[in-house]
Amino acid sequence: MKKSLTGFLPLFLLIIFAFTGINDPLPIGSAIPNADAKLKDVTGKEVSLRGSLKPNGLLVMFSCNTCPVVKKYQSRTLEAAKDATSRQIGVILLNSNEAYRDKGDGFADMQAYAKQQGYDFSYVLDQNSAMADLFGALRTPEVFLFDGKGLLVYHGAIDDNSNAAGDVTRKHLALAMQELVSGKEISTRVTRSVGCSIKRPE
């Protein structure tokens, strides 16, 4: 009997996952999902992913204010955003922690955090985690890099060490952006992001 139940477990998990409304992670080569949706930026303006696309692409990062891993990556996030901007790649951060809006990830909290960190790029509210669901994003931080045509070329982590910037041996995102702009094949298209789970609504 135990063996029979074990056989049903993977199917059961697939059914549960399907009912959450979360898509599988966006495959490489995919177009930007729901690119024209209006998202509220910390400036109070509405922006879209398509409107944030620059000649050489778009960096989409799922982030937040409260995750300890995001905080460890904060200087590296700013570095990645600066690098992207210098390469004519747009930058937009999405806060999808819908279940934490009253626990430090509300819109006013986002405004304060963006000001404190000196964000000079879009930081937007992902209401009801809708964009995170479409992207299949699960963690913060988690990045999706699109080319100038709006097609996904890299998905995963900023680099290979979530604990300390000084111990990084490969800067996945920086290398992908460098290869993208230089017209080279992206050497590593998918890596495993490490961070806090996105706090979706129940």
N, C-alpha and C. Protein backbone atom coordinates (compact mmCIF):
# COMPACT_ATOMS: atom_id res chain seq x y z
N MET A 1 0.84 -1.20 0.00
CA MET A 1 0.00 0.00 0.00
C MET A 1 0.87 1.25 0.00
N LYS A 2 1.95 1.24 0.79
CA LYS A 2 2.86 2.38 0.87
C LYS A 2 3.48 2.67 -0.50
N LYS A 3 3.83 1.59 -1.22
CA LYS A 3 4.42 1.75 -2.54
C LYS A 3 3.44 2.39 -3.50
N SER A 4 2.17 2.01 -3.40
CA SER A 4 1.14 2.57 -4.27
C SER A 4 0.96 4.06 -4.03
N LEU A 5 0.92 4.48 -2.76
CA LEU A 5 0.76 5.89 -2.42
C LEU A 5 1.95 6.72 -2.91
N THR A 6 3.13 6.13 -2.79
CA THR A 6 4.34 6.81 -3.25
C THR A 6 4.27 7.08 -4.74
N GLY A 7 3.69 6.15 -5.49
CA GLY A 7 3.57 6.32 -6.93
C GLY A 7 2.66 7.47 -7.31
N PHE A 8 1.66 7.73 -6.46
CA PHE A 8 0.72 8.81 -6.74
C PHE A 8 1.25 10.19 -6.32
N LEU A 9 2.30 10.23 -5.50
CA LEU A 9 2.77 11.49 -4.94
C LEU A 9 3.21 12.51 -6.00
N PRO A 10 4.05 12.13 -6.99
CA PRO A 10 4.45 13.12 -7.99
C PRO A 10 3.26 13.71 -8.73
N LEU A 11 2.28 12.86 -9.10
CA LEU A 11 1.09 13.33 -9.79
C LEU A 11 0.31 14.30 -8.91
N PHE A 12 0.20 13.99 -7.62
CA PHE A 12 -0.50 14.85 -6.67
C PHE A 12 0.16 16.22 -6.59
N LEU A 13 1.51 16.24 -6.55
CA LEU A 13 2.24 17.50 -6.48
C LEU A 13 2.05 18.32 -7.75
N LEU A 14 2.01 17.65 -8.89
CA LEU A 14 1.79 18.35 -10.16
C LEU A 14 0.42 19.01 -10.19
N ILE A 15 -0.58 18.30 -9.66
CA ILE A 15 -1.94 18.85 -9.63
C ILE A 15 -2.00 20.06 -8.72
N ILE A 16 -1.36 19.97 -7.55
CA ILE A 16 -1.33 21.10 -6.61
C ILE A 16 -0.65 22.29 -7.26
N PHE A 17 0.48 22.06 -7.94
CA PHE A 17 1.23 23.14 -8.59
C PHE A 17 0.39 23.79 -9.68
N ALA A 18 -0.35 22.97 -10.42
CA ALA A 18 -1.19 23.50 -11.49
C ALA A 18 -2.26 24.44 -10.96
N PHE A 19 -2.82 24.13 -9.78
CA PHE A 19 -3.89 24.94 -9.22
C PHE A 19 -3.38 26.23 -8.59
N THR A 20 -2.06 26.39 -8.43
CA THR A 20 -1.54 27.63 -7.88
C THR A 20 -1.59 28.75 -8.89
N GLY A 21 -1.65 28.42 -10.19
CA GLY A 21 -1.65 29.43 -11.23
C GLY A 21 -0.26 29.89 -11.62
N ILE A 22 0.77 29.28 -11.05
CA ILE A 22 2.15 29.64 -11.37
C ILE A 22 2.59 28.87 -12.61
N ASN A 23 3.07 29.58 -13.61
CA ASN A 23 3.59 28.92 -14.81
C ASN A 23 4.92 28.26 -14.52
N ASP A 24 5.33 27.35 -15.41
CA ASP A 24 6.69 26.84 -15.35
C ASP A 24 7.63 28.01 -15.66
N PRO A 25 8.89 27.95 -15.22
CA PRO A 25 9.81 29.04 -15.54
C PRO A 25 9.85 29.33 -17.04
N LEU A 26 9.87 30.58 -17.38
CA LEU A 26 9.86 31.03 -18.77
C LEU A 26 11.02 30.40 -19.54
N PRO A 27 10.76 29.69 -20.64
CA PRO A 27 11.85 29.06 -21.39
C PRO A 27 12.70 30.09 -22.13
N ILE A 28 13.96 29.77 -22.31
CA ILE A 28 14.86 30.61 -23.10
C ILE A 28 14.27 30.78 -24.51
N GLY A 29 14.31 32.01 -25.01
CA GLY A 29 13.74 32.29 -26.32
C GLY A 29 12.33 32.85 -26.27
N SER A 30 11.72 32.83 -25.06
CA SER A 30 10.35 33.32 -24.91
C SER A 30 10.30 34.85 -24.98
N ALA A 31 9.18 35.36 -25.45
CA ALA A 31 8.95 36.80 -25.47
C ALA A 31 8.55 37.28 -24.08
N ILE A 32 8.72 38.56 -23.83
CA ILE A 32 8.34 39.15 -22.54
C ILE A 32 6.84 38.92 -22.30
N PRO A 33 6.46 38.29 -21.21
CA PRO A 33 5.04 38.05 -20.94
C PRO A 33 4.30 39.34 -20.58
N ASN A 34 3.08 39.47 -21.08
CA ASN A 34 2.21 40.59 -20.73
C ASN A 34 2.99 41.91 -20.74
N ALA A 35 3.71 42.12 -21.82
CA ALA A 35 4.68 43.22 -21.89
C ALA A 35 4.07 44.61 -21.79
N ASP A 36 2.78 44.75 -22.10
CA ASP A 36 2.15 46.07 -22.10
C ASP A 36 1.36 46.36 -20.83
N ALA A 37 1.37 45.42 -19.87
CA ALA A 37 0.64 45.63 -18.61
C ALA A 37 1.22 46.84 -17.87
N LYS A 38 0.35 47.66 -17.31
CA LYS A 38 0.78 48.84 -16.57
C LYS A 38 1.09 48.46 -15.13
N LEU A 39 2.28 48.82 -14.67
CA LEU A 39 2.76 48.49 -13.33
C LEU A 39 3.09 49.78 -12.60
N LYS A 40 2.71 49.87 -11.34
CA LYS A 40 2.92 51.11 -10.57
C LYS A 40 4.33 51.18 -10.03
N ASP A 41 5.05 52.21 -10.49
CA ASP A 41 6.43 52.44 -10.09
C ASP A 41 6.46 53.25 -8.79
N VAL A 42 7.59 53.19 -8.07
CA VAL A 42 7.70 53.94 -6.80
C VAL A 42 7.60 55.45 -7.01
N THR A 43 7.79 55.91 -8.24
CA THR A 43 7.64 57.34 -8.54
C THR A 43 6.17 57.75 -8.60
N GLY A 44 5.29 56.75 -8.63
CA GLY A 44 3.86 57.01 -8.77
C GLY A 44 3.38 56.88 -10.20
N LYS A 45 4.33 56.81 -11.15
CA LYS A 45 3.97 56.65 -12.55
C LYS A 45 3.71 55.18 -12.86
N GLU A 46 3.02 54.94 -13.98
CA GLU A 46 2.80 53.59 -14.45
C GLU A 46 3.79 53.29 -15.57
N VAL A 47 4.42 52.13 -15.50
CA VAL A 47 5.38 51.73 -16.52
C VAL A 47 5.02 50.33 -17.01
N SER A 48 5.59 49.94 -18.13
CA SER A 48 5.39 48.59 -18.66
C SER A 48 6.73 47.97 -18.98
N LEU A 49 6.75 46.68 -19.12
CA LEU A 49 8.00 46.00 -19.47
C LEU A 49 8.44 46.39 -20.88
N ARG A 50 7.48 46.47 -21.80
CA ARG A 50 7.84 46.87 -23.16
C ARG A 50 8.39 48.30 -23.19
N GLY A 51 7.78 49.15 -22.40
CA GLY A 51 8.24 50.53 -22.35
C GLY A 51 9.61 50.68 -21.70
N SER A 52 10.02 49.67 -20.93
CA SER A 52 11.32 49.70 -20.27
C SER A 52 12.42 49.07 -21.11
N LEU A 53 12.03 48.42 -22.21
CA LEU A 53 12.98 47.77 -23.11
C LEU A 53 13.85 48.83 -23.81
N LYS A 54 15.16 48.63 -23.77
CA LYS A 54 16.11 49.53 -24.42
C LYS A 54 16.67 48.85 -25.68
N PRO A 55 17.46 49.58 -26.48
CA PRO A 55 17.95 48.99 -27.74
C PRO A 55 18.63 47.63 -27.61
N ASN A 56 19.34 47.42 -26.50
CA ASN A 56 20.06 46.15 -26.34
C ASN A 56 19.38 45.15 -25.42
N GLY A 57 18.21 45.52 -24.88
CA GLY A 57 17.50 44.53 -24.08
C GLY A 57 16.86 45.08 -22.82
N LEU A 58 16.49 44.15 -21.95
CA LEU A 58 15.81 44.48 -20.70
C LEU A 58 16.20 43.49 -19.61
N LEU A 59 16.57 44.03 -18.46
CA LEU A 59 16.85 43.21 -17.28
C LEU A 59 15.65 43.29 -16.35
N VAL A 60 14.99 42.17 -16.13
CA VAL A 60 13.86 42.08 -15.20
C VAL A 60 14.34 41.31 -13.98
N MET A 61 14.19 41.92 -12.82
CA MET A 61 14.61 41.25 -11.59
C MET A 61 13.44 41.21 -10.60
N PHE A 62 13.15 40.03 -10.07
CA PHE A 62 12.18 39.91 -8.99
C PHE A 62 12.92 40.12 -7.68
N SER A 63 12.48 41.12 -6.92
CA SER A 63 13.18 41.52 -5.72
C SER A 63 12.16 41.93 -4.65
N CYS A 64 12.65 42.52 -3.57
CA CYS A 64 11.76 42.96 -2.50
C CYS A 64 12.57 43.81 -1.51
N ASN A 65 11.95 44.14 -0.39
CA ASN A 65 12.63 44.92 0.65
C ASN A 65 13.12 44.06 1.81
N THR A 66 12.49 42.89 1.99
CA THR A 66 12.61 42.18 3.27
C THR A 66 13.50 40.94 3.26
N CYS A 67 13.76 40.36 2.10
CA CYS A 67 14.52 39.11 2.04
C CYS A 67 15.99 39.32 2.43
N PRO A 68 16.52 38.55 3.37
CA PRO A 68 17.94 38.67 3.75
C PRO A 68 18.90 38.45 2.60
N VAL A 69 18.53 37.58 1.65
CA VAL A 69 19.41 37.32 0.51
C VAL A 69 19.42 38.54 -0.42
N VAL A 70 18.26 39.17 -0.60
CA VAL A 70 18.21 40.41 -1.40
C VAL A 70 19.14 41.45 -0.78
N LYS A 71 19.12 41.55 0.53
CA LYS A 71 19.96 42.55 1.22
C LYS A 71 21.44 42.23 1.03
N LYS A 72 21.80 40.94 1.03
CA LYS A 72 23.19 40.57 0.78
C LYS A 72 23.61 40.92 -0.64
N TYR A 73 22.63 40.88 -1.55
CA TYR A 73 22.90 41.16 -2.95
C TYR A 73 22.73 42.64 -3.30
N GLN A 74 22.37 43.49 -2.34
CA GLN A 74 21.99 44.85 -2.66
C GLN A 74 23.05 45.62 -3.45
N SER A 75 24.29 45.57 -3.00
CA SER A 75 25.35 46.29 -3.73
C SER A 75 25.54 45.70 -5.12
N ARG A 76 25.37 44.38 -5.24
CA ARG A 76 25.52 43.72 -6.53
C ARG A 76 24.34 44.02 -7.46
N THR A 77 23.16 44.23 -6.87
CA THR A 77 22.01 44.62 -7.66
C THR A 77 22.24 46.00 -8.27
N LEU A 78 22.74 46.92 -7.46
CA LEU A 78 23.04 48.27 -7.95
C LEU A 78 24.12 48.23 -9.03
N GLU A 79 25.11 47.38 -8.82
CA GLU A 79 26.19 47.23 -9.80
C GLU A 79 25.65 46.68 -11.12
N ALA A 80 24.76 45.67 -11.02
CA ALA A 80 24.19 45.06 -12.22
C ALA A 80 23.32 46.06 -12.98
N ALA A 81 22.55 46.87 -12.23
CA ALA A 81 21.69 47.88 -12.86
C ALA A 81 22.53 48.93 -13.58
N LYS A 82 23.61 49.35 -12.95
CA LYS A 82 24.50 50.35 -13.55
C LYS A 82 25.15 49.78 -14.81
N ASP A 83 25.57 48.53 -14.74
CA ASP A 83 26.19 47.85 -15.87
C ASP A 83 25.20 47.74 -17.03
N ALA A 84 23.96 47.35 -16.72
CA ALA A 84 22.93 47.22 -17.75
C ALA A 84 22.66 48.56 -18.42
N THR A 85 22.50 49.60 -17.62
CA THR A 85 22.21 50.92 -18.16
C THR A 85 23.32 51.40 -19.08
N SER A 86 24.57 51.15 -18.68
CA SER A 86 25.71 51.56 -19.51
C SER A 86 25.76 50.82 -20.83
N ARG A 87 25.09 49.66 -20.89
CA ARG A 87 25.07 48.84 -22.10
C ARG A 87 23.77 49.02 -22.89
N GLN A 88 22.98 50.03 -22.52
CA GLN A 88 21.69 50.30 -23.16
C GLN A 88 20.73 49.12 -23.02
N ILE A 89 20.73 48.58 -21.81
CA ILE A 89 19.78 47.54 -21.42
C ILE A 89 18.89 48.14 -20.33
N GLY A 90 17.58 48.10 -20.53
CA GLY A 90 16.66 48.65 -19.54
C GLY A 90 16.66 47.83 -18.26
N VAL A 91 16.22 48.45 -17.18
CA VAL A 91 16.21 47.78 -15.87
C VAL A 91 14.87 48.01 -15.19
N ILE A 92 14.27 46.94 -14.69
CA ILE A 92 13.05 47.06 -13.91
C ILE A 92 13.03 45.97 -12.84
N LEU A 93 12.79 46.37 -11.61
CA LEU A 93 12.65 45.44 -10.49
C LEU A 93 11.19 45.31 -10.13
N LEU A 94 10.75 44.09 -9.86
CA LEU A 94 9.36 43.84 -9.48
C LEU A 94 9.29 43.28 -8.07
N ASN A 95 8.43 43.87 -7.26
CA ASN A 95 8.18 43.36 -5.92
C ASN A 95 6.86 42.58 -5.96
N SER A 96 6.97 41.27 -5.89
CA SER A 96 5.81 40.39 -6.03
C SER A 96 5.32 39.81 -4.71
N ASN A 97 5.88 40.31 -3.59
CA ASN A 97 5.53 39.77 -2.27
C ASN A 97 4.16 40.25 -1.79
N GLU A 98 3.12 39.82 -2.50
CA GLU A 98 1.75 40.27 -2.20
C GLU A 98 1.33 39.96 -0.77
N ALA A 99 1.75 38.82 -0.25
CA ALA A 99 1.35 38.43 1.11
C ALA A 99 2.12 39.19 2.18
N TYR A 100 3.11 39.99 1.78
CA TYR A 100 3.91 40.75 2.74
C TYR A 100 3.71 42.26 2.61
N ARG A 101 2.59 42.68 2.00
CA ARG A 101 2.37 44.11 1.82
C ARG A 101 2.25 44.85 3.15
N ASP A 102 1.84 44.14 4.19
CA ASP A 102 1.76 44.78 5.52
C ASP A 102 2.90 44.33 6.43
N LYS A 103 3.94 43.74 5.79
CA LYS A 103 5.09 43.25 6.56
C LYS A 103 6.41 43.78 6.00
N GLY A 104 6.35 44.98 5.42
CA GLY A 104 7.57 45.59 4.93
C GLY A 104 7.71 45.66 3.43
N ASP A 105 6.74 45.09 2.68
CA ASP A 105 6.81 45.11 1.23
C ASP A 105 5.62 45.85 0.60
N GLY A 106 5.02 46.76 1.37
CA GLY A 106 3.96 47.59 0.83
C GLY A 106 4.53 48.68 -0.06
N PHE A 107 3.65 49.40 -0.76
CA PHE A 107 4.11 50.40 -1.71
C PHE A 107 4.91 51.51 -1.03
N ALA A 108 4.45 52.01 0.10
CA ALA A 108 5.18 53.06 0.82
C ALA A 108 6.54 52.55 1.28
N ASP A 109 6.60 51.28 1.69
CA ASP A 109 7.87 50.67 2.08
C ASP A 109 8.82 50.60 0.90
N MET A 110 8.28 50.27 -0.27
CA MET A 110 9.08 50.21 -1.49
C MET A 110 9.66 51.58 -1.83
N GLN A 111 8.83 52.61 -1.69
CA GLN A 111 9.30 53.97 -1.97
C GLN A 111 10.45 54.35 -1.05
N ALA A 112 10.29 54.04 0.22
CA ALA A 112 11.33 54.37 1.20
C ALA A 112 12.61 53.58 0.92
N TYR A 113 12.46 52.30 0.59
CA TYR A 113 13.61 51.45 0.33
C TYR A 113 14.36 51.91 -0.91
N ALA A 114 13.60 52.25 -1.97
CA ALA A 114 14.23 52.70 -3.21
C ALA A 114 15.01 53.99 -2.98
N LYS A 115 14.46 54.88 -2.18
CA LYS A 115 15.14 56.14 -1.88
C LYS A 115 16.41 55.88 -1.07
N GLN A 116 16.29 54.99 -0.08
CA GLN A 116 17.43 54.65 0.78
C GLN A 116 18.57 54.03 -0.04
N GLN A 117 18.22 53.18 -1.00
CA GLN A 117 19.23 52.47 -1.78
C GLN A 117 19.71 53.28 -2.99
N GLY A 118 19.06 54.39 -3.27
CA GLY A 118 19.47 55.21 -4.40
C GLY A 118 19.08 54.62 -5.74
N TYR A 119 17.93 53.93 -5.80
CA TYR A 119 17.47 53.37 -7.07
C TYR A 119 17.22 54.49 -8.08
N ASP A 120 17.81 54.38 -9.27
CA ASP A 120 17.52 55.32 -10.34
C ASP A 120 16.92 54.57 -11.53
N PHE A 121 16.24 53.48 -11.24
CA PHE A 121 15.57 52.66 -12.24
C PHE A 121 14.20 52.29 -11.68
N SER A 122 13.37 51.67 -12.49
CA SER A 122 12.00 51.36 -12.08
C SER A 122 11.97 50.24 -11.03
N TYR A 123 11.20 50.49 -9.99
CA TYR A 123 10.92 49.48 -8.95
C TYR A 123 9.41 49.47 -8.81
N VAL A 124 8.77 48.38 -9.23
CA VAL A 124 7.32 48.38 -9.39
C VAL A 124 6.63 47.34 -8.52
N LEU A 125 5.37 47.62 -8.26
CA LEU A 125 4.51 46.74 -7.49
C LEU A 125 3.90 45.70 -8.43
N ASP A 126 4.13 44.44 -8.16
CA ASP A 126 3.52 43.36 -8.93
C ASP A 126 2.29 42.89 -8.16
N GLN A 127 1.16 43.48 -8.50
CA GLN A 127 -0.06 43.23 -7.74
C GLN A 127 -0.52 41.79 -7.90
N ASN A 128 -0.82 41.17 -6.75
CA ASN A 128 -1.27 39.77 -6.69
C ASN A 128 -0.25 38.79 -7.28
N SER A 129 1.00 39.22 -7.36
CA SER A 129 2.10 38.38 -7.88
C SER A 129 1.82 37.92 -9.31
N ALA A 130 1.05 38.69 -10.06
CA ALA A 130 0.62 38.28 -11.40
C ALA A 130 1.78 38.08 -12.36
N MET A 131 2.73 39.00 -12.36
CA MET A 131 3.88 38.86 -13.25
C MET A 131 4.78 37.71 -12.82
N ALA A 132 4.96 37.55 -11.53
CA ALA A 132 5.77 36.44 -11.03
C ALA A 132 5.17 35.11 -11.49
N ASP A 133 3.85 35.02 -11.48
CA ASP A 133 3.18 33.79 -11.92
C ASP A 133 3.43 33.55 -13.41
N LEU A 134 3.33 34.62 -14.22
CA LEU A 134 3.54 34.48 -15.67
C LEU A 134 4.98 34.07 -15.99
N PHE A 135 5.93 34.65 -15.27
CA PHE A 135 7.34 34.34 -15.49
C PHE A 135 7.74 32.99 -14.91
N GLY A 136 6.94 32.48 -13.96
CA GLY A 136 7.33 31.28 -13.24
C GLY A 136 8.43 31.57 -12.26
N ALA A 137 8.51 32.84 -11.81
CA ALA A 137 9.53 33.24 -10.84
C ALA A 137 9.17 32.72 -9.46
N LEU A 138 10.17 32.24 -8.73
CA LEU A 138 9.93 31.64 -7.42
C LEU A 138 10.68 32.33 -6.29
N ARG A 139 11.75 33.07 -6.61
CA ARG A 139 12.62 33.57 -5.54
C ARG A 139 12.98 35.04 -5.72
N THR A 140 13.51 35.60 -4.65
CA THR A 140 14.12 36.93 -4.70
C THR A 140 15.54 36.81 -4.14
N PRO A 141 16.55 37.28 -4.90
CA PRO A 141 16.44 37.84 -6.24
C PRO A 141 16.46 36.75 -7.32
N GLU A 142 15.78 37.02 -8.42
CA GLU A 142 15.76 36.12 -9.57
C GLU A 142 15.70 36.99 -10.82
N VAL A 143 16.59 36.74 -11.78
CA VAL A 143 16.69 37.64 -12.93
C VAL A 143 16.32 36.97 -14.25
N PHE A 144 15.77 37.79 -15.14
CA PHE A 144 15.41 37.39 -16.50
C PHE A 144 15.98 38.47 -17.43
N LEU A 145 16.87 38.08 -18.32
CA LEU A 145 17.50 39.02 -19.24
C LEU A 145 16.97 38.79 -20.66
N PHE A 146 16.43 39.86 -21.25
CA PHE A 146 15.88 39.80 -22.61
C PHE A 146 16.76 40.59 -23.56
N ASP A 147 16.79 40.17 -24.82
CA ASP A 147 17.56 40.90 -25.82
C ASP A 147 16.76 42.08 -26.37
N GLY A 148 17.32 42.77 -27.36
CA GLY A 148 16.66 43.96 -27.89
C GLY A 148 15.35 43.67 -28.58
N LYS A 149 15.10 42.41 -28.95
CA LYS A 149 13.83 42.03 -29.57
C LYS A 149 12.82 41.56 -28.53
N GLY A 150 13.23 41.59 -27.26
CA GLY A 150 12.33 41.16 -26.19
C GLY A 150 12.26 39.66 -26.02
N LEU A 151 13.33 38.96 -26.38
CA LEU A 151 13.37 37.50 -26.25
C LEU A 151 14.33 37.11 -25.12
N LEU A 152 13.93 36.14 -24.32
CA LEU A 152 14.72 35.74 -23.14
C LEU A 152 16.02 35.06 -23.55
N VAL A 153 17.14 35.55 -23.01
CA VAL A 153 18.44 34.95 -23.31
C VAL A 153 19.14 34.40 -22.07
N TYR A 154 18.72 34.85 -20.88
CA TYR A 154 19.33 34.34 -19.64
C TYR A 154 18.31 34.40 -18.51
N HIS A 155 18.32 33.37 -17.66
CA HIS A 155 17.43 33.31 -16.49
C HIS A 155 18.17 32.66 -15.34
N GLY A 156 18.10 33.30 -14.16
CA GLY A 156 18.68 32.66 -12.99
C GLY A 156 19.23 33.63 -11.97
N ALA A 157 20.46 33.37 -11.53
CA ALA A 157 21.08 34.12 -10.46
C ALA A 157 21.97 35.24 -10.99
N ILE A 158 22.25 36.21 -10.13
CA ILE A 158 23.17 37.29 -10.47
C ILE A 158 24.59 36.74 -10.58
N ASP A 159 24.95 35.88 -9.63
CA ASP A 159 26.29 35.27 -9.64
C ASP A 159 26.22 33.94 -8.89
N ASP A 160 27.38 33.36 -8.59
CA ASP A 160 27.41 32.01 -8.02
C ASP A 160 27.65 31.97 -6.51
N ASN A 161 27.46 33.11 -5.82
CA ASN A 161 27.62 33.08 -4.37
C ASN A 161 26.62 34.03 -3.72
N SER A 162 25.62 33.47 -3.09
CA SER A 162 24.58 34.29 -2.47
C SER A 162 24.98 34.85 -1.11
N ASN A 163 26.09 34.38 -0.58
CA ASN A 163 26.51 34.81 0.75
C ASN A 163 27.43 36.02 0.74
N ALA A 164 28.44 36.00 -0.11
CA ALA A 164 29.45 37.05 -0.06
C ALA A 164 29.94 37.43 -1.44
N ALA A 165 29.90 38.72 -1.74
CA ALA A 165 30.36 39.20 -3.04
C ALA A 165 31.83 38.88 -3.27
N GLY A 166 32.61 38.89 -2.18
CA GLY A 166 34.04 38.63 -2.30
C GLY A 166 34.39 37.20 -2.66
N ASP A 167 33.42 36.29 -2.51
CA ASP A 167 33.67 34.88 -2.81
C ASP A 167 33.08 34.44 -4.15
N VAL A 168 32.60 35.39 -4.93
CA VAL A 168 32.02 35.07 -6.24
C VAL A 168 33.12 34.62 -7.20
N THR A 169 32.87 33.52 -7.90
CA THR A 169 33.83 33.04 -8.90
C THR A 169 33.32 33.24 -10.33
N ARG A 170 32.00 33.41 -10.47
CA ARG A 170 31.44 33.67 -11.81
C ARG A 170 30.26 34.63 -11.71
N LYS A 171 30.33 35.72 -12.42
CA LYS A 171 29.24 36.71 -12.45
C LYS A 171 28.33 36.38 -13.63
N HIS A 172 27.36 35.50 -13.38
CA HIS A 172 26.50 34.98 -14.45
C HIS A 172 25.83 36.10 -15.25
N LEU A 173 25.18 37.03 -14.55
CA LEU A 173 24.42 38.08 -15.22
C LEU A 173 25.34 39.03 -15.98
N ALA A 174 26.42 39.46 -15.35
CA ALA A 174 27.34 40.39 -16.00
C ALA A 174 27.92 39.79 -17.29
N LEU A 175 28.27 38.52 -17.23
CA LEU A 175 28.82 37.85 -18.41
C LEU A 175 27.77 37.72 -19.50
N ALA A 176 26.52 37.40 -19.10
CA ALA A 176 25.44 37.28 -20.08
C ALA A 176 25.18 38.62 -20.76
N MET A 177 25.20 39.71 -20.01
CA MET A 177 24.99 41.03 -20.61
C MET A 177 26.14 41.39 -21.54
N GLN A 178 27.35 41.07 -21.14
CA GLN A 178 28.52 41.35 -21.97
C GLN A 178 28.44 40.58 -23.28
N GLU A 179 28.09 39.30 -23.19
CA GLU A 179 27.98 38.47 -24.40
C GLU A 179 26.83 38.93 -25.28
N LEU A 180 25.73 39.33 -24.66
CA LEU A 180 24.56 39.79 -25.41
C LEU A 180 24.91 41.02 -26.26
N VAL A 181 25.52 41.99 -25.63
CA VAL A 181 25.83 43.25 -26.32
C VAL A 181 26.91 43.08 -27.39
N SER A 182 27.82 42.14 -27.15
CA SER A 182 28.90 41.91 -28.12
C SER A 182 28.47 40.99 -29.25
N GLY A 183 27.25 40.48 -29.20
CA GLY A 183 26.74 39.62 -30.26
C GLY A 183 27.18 38.18 -30.17
N LYS A 184 27.76 37.80 -29.03
CA LYS A 184 28.21 36.42 -28.83
C LYS A 184 27.06 35.54 -28.33
N GLU A 185 27.24 34.24 -28.49
CA GLU A 185 26.30 33.27 -27.94
C GLU A 185 26.39 33.34 -26.41
N ILE A 186 25.25 33.31 -25.73
CA ILE A 186 25.26 33.32 -24.26
C ILE A 186 25.79 31.97 -23.79
N SER A 187 26.92 32.00 -23.10
CA SER A 187 27.60 30.75 -22.74
C SER A 187 26.84 29.93 -21.71
N THR A 188 26.20 30.61 -20.76
CA THR A 188 25.38 29.92 -19.76
C THR A 188 24.03 30.60 -19.72
N ARG A 189 23.00 29.92 -20.17
CA ARG A 189 21.68 30.53 -20.34
C ARG A 189 20.79 30.41 -19.12
N VAL A 190 21.00 29.38 -18.33
CA VAL A 190 20.16 29.15 -17.15
C VAL A 190 21.04 28.77 -15.97
N THR A 191 20.82 29.42 -14.83
CA THR A 191 21.48 29.04 -13.58
C THR A 191 20.41 28.96 -12.50
N ARG A 192 20.78 28.45 -11.35
CA ARG A 192 19.83 28.29 -10.25
C ARG A 192 19.89 29.52 -9.34
N SER A 193 18.78 30.21 -9.24
CA SER A 193 18.73 31.36 -8.33
C SER A 193 18.56 30.87 -6.90
N VAL A 194 19.19 31.57 -5.97
CA VAL A 194 19.11 31.23 -4.55
C VAL A 194 18.58 32.45 -3.81
N GLY A 195 17.55 32.27 -3.01
CA GLY A 195 16.98 33.40 -2.28
C GLY A 195 15.74 33.00 -1.52
N CYS A 196 14.96 34.00 -1.14
CA CYS A 196 13.73 33.78 -0.40
C CYS A 196 12.60 33.47 -1.38
N SER A 197 11.65 32.68 -0.95
CA SER A 197 10.50 32.41 -1.79
C SER A 197 9.65 33.66 -1.95
N ILE A 198 9.06 33.85 -3.13
CA ILE A 198 8.15 34.96 -3.34
C ILE A 198 6.89 34.70 -2.51
N LYS A 199 6.48 35.72 -1.75
CA LYS A 199 5.34 35.57 -0.83
C LYS A 199 4.04 35.87 -1.56
N ARG A 200 3.50 34.84 -2.20
CA ARG A 200 2.28 34.99 -2.99
C ARG A 200 1.04 35.05 -2.11
N PRO A 201 -0.04 35.63 -2.65
CA PRO A 201 -1.30 35.67 -1.88
C PRO A 201 -1.83 34.27 -1.68
N GLU A 202 -2.51 34.04 -0.58
CA GLU A 202 -3.05 32.70 -0.32
C GLU A 202 -4.31 32.48 -1.15
